[in-house]
N, C-alpha and C. Protein backbone atom coordinates (compact mmCIF):
# COMPACT_ATOMS: atom_id res chain seq x y z
N MET A 1 13.69 -28.31 23.37
CA MET A 1 14.65 -27.34 22.87
C MET A 1 14.92 -27.51 21.37
N GLU A 2 14.47 -28.60 20.79
CA GLU A 2 14.73 -28.83 19.37
C GLU A 2 13.96 -27.83 18.50
N TYR A 3 12.83 -27.34 19.01
CA TYR A 3 12.04 -26.41 18.20
C TYR A 3 12.74 -25.07 17.98
N VAL A 4 13.69 -24.74 18.84
CA VAL A 4 14.43 -23.49 18.67
C VAL A 4 15.21 -23.52 17.35
N GLY A 5 15.77 -24.65 17.02
CA GLY A 5 16.51 -24.80 15.77
C GLY A 5 15.61 -24.66 14.55
N MET A 6 14.35 -25.03 14.71
CA MET A 6 13.40 -24.92 13.59
C MET A 6 12.97 -23.47 13.38
N LEU A 7 13.08 -22.66 14.41
CA LEU A 7 12.69 -21.25 14.29
C LEU A 7 13.79 -20.38 13.69
N ALA A 8 15.00 -20.88 13.66
CA ALA A 8 16.13 -20.10 13.16
C ALA A 8 15.95 -19.63 11.72
N PRO A 9 15.51 -20.46 10.78
CA PRO A 9 15.33 -19.96 9.40
C PRO A 9 14.28 -18.87 9.31
N ILE A 10 13.21 -18.98 10.10
CA ILE A 10 12.17 -17.96 10.09
C ILE A 10 12.73 -16.65 10.63
N ALA A 11 13.50 -16.74 11.70
CA ALA A 11 14.12 -15.54 12.28
C ALA A 11 15.08 -14.90 11.28
N PHE A 12 15.79 -15.73 10.53
CA PHE A 12 16.73 -15.22 9.52
C PHE A 12 15.98 -14.45 8.44
N VAL A 13 14.85 -14.97 7.99
CA VAL A 13 14.05 -14.29 6.97
C VAL A 13 13.55 -12.95 7.50
N PHE A 14 13.05 -12.94 8.74
CA PHE A 14 12.59 -11.69 9.33
C PHE A 14 13.73 -10.68 9.48
N ALA A 15 14.91 -11.17 9.82
CA ALA A 15 16.06 -10.28 9.96
C ALA A 15 16.42 -9.66 8.61
N LEU A 16 16.39 -10.46 7.55
CA LEU A 16 16.68 -9.93 6.21
C LEU A 16 15.64 -8.88 5.81
N ALA A 17 14.38 -9.14 6.11
CA ALA A 17 13.32 -8.18 5.79
C ALA A 17 13.53 -6.89 6.56
N ALA A 18 13.92 -6.99 7.81
CA ALA A 18 14.15 -5.80 8.63
C ALA A 18 15.33 -5.00 8.07
N LEU A 19 16.38 -5.67 7.67
CA LEU A 19 17.53 -4.97 7.09
C LEU A 19 17.15 -4.25 5.80
N ALA A 20 16.31 -4.89 5.01
CA ALA A 20 15.87 -4.25 3.76
C ALA A 20 15.06 -3.01 4.06
N GLN A 21 14.20 -3.07 5.09
CA GLN A 21 13.40 -1.90 5.44
C GLN A 21 14.28 -0.77 5.97
N VAL A 22 15.28 -1.11 6.76
CA VAL A 22 16.20 -0.09 7.28
C VAL A 22 16.95 0.57 6.14
N ASN A 23 17.35 -0.21 5.15
CA ASN A 23 18.06 0.33 4.00
C ASN A 23 17.15 1.30 3.23
N ASP A 24 15.89 0.92 3.05
CA ASP A 24 14.94 1.80 2.37
C ASP A 24 14.74 3.10 3.15
N LEU A 25 14.66 3.00 4.47
CA LEU A 25 14.49 4.20 5.29
C LEU A 25 15.71 5.11 5.18
N LYS A 26 16.90 4.52 5.16
CA LYS A 26 18.11 5.32 5.01
C LYS A 26 18.11 6.09 3.69
N LYS A 27 17.68 5.41 2.62
CA LYS A 27 17.60 6.07 1.32
C LYS A 27 16.60 7.21 1.35
N GLU A 28 15.46 6.97 2.01
CA GLU A 28 14.42 8.00 2.08
C GLU A 28 14.89 9.21 2.89
N VAL A 29 15.58 8.96 3.99
CA VAL A 29 16.11 10.05 4.81
C VAL A 29 17.15 10.84 4.03
N ALA A 30 17.99 10.15 3.29
CA ALA A 30 19.01 10.83 2.48
C ALA A 30 18.34 11.71 1.42
N ALA A 31 17.28 11.20 0.79
CA ALA A 31 16.57 11.97 -0.22
C ALA A 31 15.93 13.20 0.41
N LEU A 32 15.35 13.04 1.58
CA LEU A 32 14.73 14.19 2.26
C LEU A 32 15.77 15.23 2.66
N LYS A 33 16.95 14.77 3.10
CA LYS A 33 18.02 15.71 3.45
C LYS A 33 18.46 16.50 2.22
N ASP A 34 18.61 15.81 1.10
CA ASP A 34 19.00 16.49 -0.14
C ASP A 34 17.95 17.52 -0.54
N LYS A 35 16.69 17.13 -0.42
CA LYS A 35 15.60 18.03 -0.77
C LYS A 35 15.60 19.25 0.14
N GLN A 36 15.87 19.03 1.42
CA GLN A 36 15.90 20.13 2.38
C GLN A 36 17.08 21.06 2.08
N ASP A 37 18.24 20.49 1.74
CA ASP A 37 19.40 21.30 1.43
C ASP A 37 19.16 22.14 0.17
N GLN A 38 18.45 21.59 -0.80
CA GLN A 38 18.15 22.34 -2.03
C GLN A 38 17.19 23.47 -1.76
N ALA A 39 16.34 23.35 -0.76
CA ALA A 39 15.35 24.37 -0.46
C ALA A 39 15.99 25.59 0.19
N LYS A 40 17.16 25.40 0.79
CA LYS A 40 17.81 26.51 1.49
C LYS A 40 18.47 27.47 0.54
């Protein structure tokens, strides 16, 4: 069970990377919504 503690930092890094990707996707969706609203 000690190896689970060693995996925690790796999981934390992956979680940060996932949050960064979600943030980028949110920005992209917002930009696309703005672009769509301007087209109307």
